[in-house]
Amino acid sequence: MKVTGSTGAPASTTGRTTPRTSGGFSLTGASGAERAAATAAAVGAGPVTDVTGLMALQGVEDATERRRRAIRRGAGLLDRLEELKLAMLGGEAGEAALERLARAAREDRPDMPDPDLAAVLDQIDLRTAVELAKAEIGRR
């Protein structure tokens, strides 16, 4: 007996007219052109190479993230205002605290659909603007 491959069992020729494909799938009664078309259709499916849609989804910010970012910004402004108050009560000029306050005020403020939170953030922004304006007048 001659070993011709690793298939184990010899191929039988019992009336089969359609050759088998390597995956064990065969189209019985299909012509060669139909088999080629079916193979091409199966090969056509492949991995998605365009990731712009995934990147766009990652960039979308939901309402809870906007709210969290707005609260963090407001709390940061309050912290900088507190630093400025402590510096002024300590007799310092507070230039470093004013610079940090101005930097925090320049951060983007996210749009808030919650009117109560937006009102609180407006008051914090107004207080920040007043303190920065008073410092500007004091410099002149």
C-alpha atoms as a PDB file:
ATOM      1  CA  MET A   1       0.000   0.000   0.000  1.00  0.00           C
ATOM      2  CA  LYS A   2       1.387   3.393  -0.986  1.00  0.00           C
ATOM      3  CA  VAL A   3       0.843   6.398   1.333  1.00  0.00           C
ATOM      4  CA  THR A   4      -0.041   9.479  -0.727  1.00  0.00           C
ATOM      5  CA  GLY A   5      -1.119  12.002   1.864  1.00  0.00           C
ATOM      6  CA  SER A   6      -2.377  12.609   5.349  1.00  0.00           C
ATOM      7  CA  THR A   7      -6.070  11.992   4.665  1.00  0.00           C
ATOM      8  CA  GLY A   8      -6.099   8.562   6.285  1.00  0.00           C
ATOM      9  CA  ALA A   9      -8.813   6.879   4.276  1.00  0.00           C
ATOM     10  CA  PRO A  10      -8.502   6.409   0.530  1.00  0.00           C
ATOM     11  CA  ALA A  11     -10.924   8.340  -1.627  1.00  0.00           C
ATOM     12  CA  SER A  12     -13.750   6.280  -3.028  1.00  0.00           C
ATOM     13  CA  THR A  13     -15.008   6.707  -6.539  1.00  0.00           C
ATOM     14  CA  THR A  14     -18.569   5.550  -6.008  1.00  0.00           C
ATOM     15  CA  GLY A  15     -20.418   7.623  -8.551  1.00  0.00           C
ATOM     16  CA  ARG A  16     -19.479  11.037  -7.282  1.00  0.00           C
ATOM     17  CA  THR A  17     -19.268  13.509 -10.178  1.00  0.00           C
ATOM     18  CA  THR A  18     -18.654  16.720  -8.254  1.00  0.00           C
ATOM     19  CA  PRO A  19     -15.187  17.185  -6.782  1.00  0.00           C
ATOM     20  CA  ARG A  20     -14.970  18.030  -3.071  1.00  0.00           C
ATOM     21  CA  THR A  21     -13.549  21.314  -1.915  1.00  0.00           C
ATOM     22  CA  SER A  22     -10.888  21.462   0.723  1.00  0.00           C
ATOM     23  CA  GLY A  23     -13.332  22.536   3.471  1.00  0.00           C
ATOM     24  CA  GLY A  24     -15.569  19.514   3.005  1.00  0.00           C
ATOM     25  CA  PHE A  25     -18.317  21.564   1.352  1.00  0.00           C
ATOM     26  CA  SER A  26     -19.467  20.796  -2.130  1.00  0.00           C
ATOM     27  CA  LEU A  27     -22.147  22.116  -4.414  1.00  0.00           C
ATOM     28  CA  THR A  28     -23.826  19.130  -6.009  1.00  0.00           C
ATOM     29  CA  GLY A  29     -25.215  19.737  -9.440  1.00  0.00           C
ATOM     30  CA  ALA A  30     -23.526  23.128  -9.789  1.00  0.00           C
ATOM     31  CA  SER A  31     -21.480  24.016 -12.802  1.00  0.00           C
ATOM     32  CA  GLY A  32     -17.909  25.252 -12.542  1.00  0.00           C
ATOM     33  CA  ALA A  33     -18.956  28.892 -13.051  1.00  0.00           C
ATOM     34  CA  GLU A  34     -21.570  28.665 -10.298  1.00  0.00           C
ATOM     35  CA  ARG A  35     -19.023  27.139  -7.923  1.00  0.00           C
ATOM     36  CA  ALA A  36     -16.543  29.901  -8.716  1.00  0.00           C
ATOM     37  CA  ALA A  37     -19.189  32.562  -8.072  1.00  0.00           C
ATOM     38  CA  ALA A  38     -20.141  30.946  -4.748  1.00  0.00           C
ATOM     39  CA  THR A  39     -16.502  30.755  -3.730  1.00  0.00           C
ATOM     40  CA  ALA A  40     -15.931  34.410  -4.693  1.00  0.00           C
ATOM     41  CA  ALA A  41     -18.977  35.472  -2.666  1.00  0.00           C
ATOM     42  CA  ALA A  42     -17.715  33.567   0.381  1.00  0.00           C
ATOM     43  CA  VAL A  43     -14.231  35.024   0.032  1.00  0.00           C
ATOM     44  CA  GLY A  44     -15.645  38.558  -0.314  1.00  0.00           C
ATOM     45  CA  ALA A  45     -16.482  38.768   3.372  1.00  0.00           C
ATOM     46  CA  GLY A  46     -13.535  40.128   5.279  1.00  0.00           C
ATOM     47  CA  PRO A  47     -12.532  42.247   8.263  1.00  0.00           C
ATOM     48  CA  VAL A  48     -13.663  45.854   8.506  1.00  0.00           C
ATOM     49  CA  THR A  49     -10.711  48.054   7.748  1.00  0.00           C
ATOM     50  CA  ASP A  50     -12.407  51.451   8.069  1.00  0.00           C
ATOM     51  CA  VAL A  51     -12.430  52.447  11.735  1.00  0.00           C
ATOM     52  CA  THR A  52     -13.659  56.022  11.321  1.00  0.00           C
ATOM     53  CA  GLY A  53     -17.106  55.006  12.540  1.00  0.00           C
ATOM     54  CA  LEU A  54     -15.650  53.489  15.690  1.00  0.00           C
ATOM     55  CA  MET A  55     -13.516  56.537  16.298  1.00  0.00           C
ATOM     56  CA  ALA A  56     -16.533  58.818  15.866  1.00  0.00           C
ATOM     57  CA  LEU A  57     -18.489  56.805  18.415  1.00  0.00           C
ATOM     58  CA  GLN A  58     -15.678  57.111  20.922  1.00  0.00           C
ATOM     59  CA  GLY A  59     -15.668  60.870  20.476  1.00  0.00           C
ATOM     60  CA  VAL A  60     -19.377  61.203  21.222  1.00  0.00           C
ATOM     61  CA  GLU A  61     -19.940  62.510  24.692  1.00  0.00           C
ATOM     62  CA  ASP A  62     -23.113  61.451  26.484  1.00  0.00           C
ATOM     63  CA  ALA A  63     -25.164  63.612  28.866  1.00  0.00           C
ATOM     64  CA  THR A  64     -23.721  62.095  32.029  1.00  0.00           C
ATOM     65  CA  GLU A  65     -20.161  62.745  30.876  1.00  0.00           C
ATOM     66  CA  ARG A  66     -21.029  66.368  29.992  1.00  0.00           C
ATOM     67  CA  ARG A  67     -22.624  66.800  33.425  1.00  0.00           C
ATOM     68  CA  ARG A  68     -19.596  65.281  35.158  1.00  0.00           C
ATOM     69  CA  ARG A  69     -17.240  67.537  33.208  1.00  0.00           C
ATOM     70  CA  ALA A  70     -19.320  70.643  33.979  1.00  0.00           C
ATOM     71  CA  ILE A  71     -19.402  69.830  37.695  1.00  0.00           C
ATOM     72  CA  ARG A  72     -15.648  69.225  37.708  1.00  0.00           C
ATOM     73  CA  ARG A  73     -15.082  72.585  35.975  1.00  0.00           C
ATOM     74  CA  GLY A  74     -17.339  74.401  38.464  1.00  0.00           C
ATOM     75  CA  ALA A  75     -15.645  72.763  41.436  1.00  0.00           C
ATOM     76  CA  GLY A  76     -12.243  73.713  40.020  1.00  0.00           C
ATOM     77  CA  LEU A  77     -13.311  77.335  39.668  1.00  0.00           C
ATOM     78  CA  LEU A  78     -14.566  77.362  43.258  1.00  0.00           C
ATOM     79  CA  ASP A  79     -11.244  75.925  44.408  1.00  0.00           C
ATOM     80  CA  ARG A  80      -9.323  78.647  42.535  1.00  0.00           C
ATOM     81  CA  LEU A  81     -11.601  81.333  44.035  1.00  0.00           C
ATOM     82  CA  GLU A  82     -10.901  79.894  47.485  1.00  0.00           C
ATOM     83  CA  GLU A  83      -7.142  80.023  46.803  1.00  0.00           C
ATOM     84  CA  LEU A  84      -7.473  83.654  45.759  1.00  0.00           C
ATOM     85  CA  LYS A  85      -9.448  84.509  48.913  1.00  0.00           C
ATOM     86  CA  LEU A  86      -6.856  82.838  51.150  1.00  0.00           C
ATOM     87  CA  ALA A  87      -4.016  84.629  49.359  1.00  0.00           C
ATOM     88  CA  MET A  88      -5.719  88.002  49.781  1.00  0.00           C
ATOM     89  CA  LEU A  89      -6.495  87.341  53.443  1.00  0.00           C
ATOM     90  CA  GLY A  90      -2.866  86.393  53.950  1.00  0.00           C
ATOM     91  CA  GLY A  91      -1.737  89.753  52.603  1.00  0.00           C
ATOM     92  CA  GLU A  92      -0.305  88.391  49.362  1.00  0.00           C
ATOM     93  CA  ALA A  93      -0.889  89.883  45.946  1.00  0.00           C
ATOM     94  CA  GLY A  94      -2.283  86.579  44.738  1.00  0.00           C
ATOM     95  CA  GLU A  95      -0.892  86.830  41.210  1.00  0.00           C
ATOM     96  CA  ALA A  96      -0.305  83.078  40.969  1.00  0.00           C
ATOM     97  CA  ALA A  97      -3.818  82.349  42.237  1.00  0.00           C
ATOM     98  CA  LEU A  98      -5.248  84.861  39.745  1.00  0.00           C
ATOM     99  CA  GLU A  99      -3.355  83.203  36.905  1.00  0.00           C
ATOM    100  CA  ARG A 100      -4.701  79.776  37.900  1.00  0.00           C
ATOM    101  CA  LEU A 101      -8.207  81.224  38.145  1.00  0.00           C
ATOM    102  CA  ALA A 102      -7.942  82.801  34.694  1.00  0.00           C
ATOM    103  CA  ARG A 103      -6.644  79.543  33.239  1.00  0.00           C
ATOM    104  CA  ALA A 104      -9.530  77.577  34.791  1.00  0.00           C
ATOM    105  CA  ALA A 105     -12.046  80.144  33.506  1.00  0.00           C
ATOM    106  CA  ARG A 106     -10.788  79.690  29.934  1.00  0.00           C
ATOM    107  CA  GLU A 107     -11.646  75.984  29.921  1.00  0.00           C
ATOM    108  CA  ASP A 108     -14.567  75.025  27.702  1.00  0.00           C
ATOM    109  CA  ARG A 109     -17.880  74.876  29.475  1.00  0.00           C
ATOM    110  CA  PRO A 110     -20.088  72.044  28.194  1.00  0.00           C
ATOM    111  CA  ASP A 111     -23.698  72.759  27.269  1.00  0.00           C
ATOM    112  CA  MET A 112     -26.026  71.685  30.051  1.00  0.00           C
ATOM    113  CA  PRO A 113     -29.605  70.589  29.449  1.00  0.00           C
ATOM    114  CA  ASP A 114     -30.251  70.773  33.218  1.00  0.00           C
ATOM    115  CA  PRO A 115     -31.356  74.387  33.918  1.00  0.00           C
ATOM    116  CA  ASP A 116     -30.636  74.198  37.664  1.00  0.00           C
ATOM    117  CA  LEU A 117     -27.045  73.092  37.164  1.00  0.00           C
ATOM    118  CA  ALA A 118     -26.608  75.643  34.378  1.00  0.00           C
ATOM    119  CA  ALA A 119     -27.806  78.397  36.743  1.00  0.00           C
ATOM    120  CA  VAL A 120     -25.282  77.396  39.415  1.00  0.00           C
ATOM    121  CA  LEU A 121     -22.488  77.272  36.848  1.00  0.00           C
ATOM    122  CA  ASP A 122     -23.545  80.711  35.563  1.00  0.00           C
ATOM    123  CA  GLN A 123     -23.198  82.115  39.090  1.00  0.00           C
ATOM    124  CA  ILE A 124     -19.751  80.565  39.482  1.00  0.00           C
ATOM    125  CA  ASP A 125     -18.672  81.988  36.117  1.00  0.00           C
ATOM    126  CA  LEU A 126     -20.034  85.408  37.070  1.00  0.00           C
ATOM    127  CA  ARG A 127     -18.138  85.420  40.372  1.00  0.00           C
ATOM    128  CA  THR A 128     -14.973  84.381  38.537  1.00  0.00           C
ATOM    129  CA  ALA A 129     -15.411  87.173  35.994  1.00  0.00           C
ATOM    130  CA  VAL A 130     -15.944  89.726  38.785  1.00  0.00           C
ATOM    131  CA  GLU A 131     -12.768  88.672  40.593  1.00  0.00           C
ATOM    132  CA  LEU A 132     -10.736  88.763  37.378  1.00  0.00           C
ATOM    133  CA  ALA A 133     -12.127  92.210  36.525  1.00  0.00           C
ATOM    134  CA  LYS A 134     -11.321  93.536  40.012  1.00  0.00           C
ATOM    135  CA  ALA A 135      -7.766  92.222  39.660  1.00  0.00           C
ATOM    136  CA  GLU A 136      -7.425  93.901  36.280  1.00  0.00           C
ATOM    137  CA  ILE A 137      -8.599  97.227  37.709  1.00  0.00           C
ATOM    138  CA  GLY A 138      -6.150  96.820  40.612  1.00  0.00           C
ATOM    139  CA  ARG A 139      -3.249  96.327  38.185  1.00  0.00           C
ATOM    140  CA  ARG A 140      -3.982  99.639  36.455  1.00  0.00           C
END
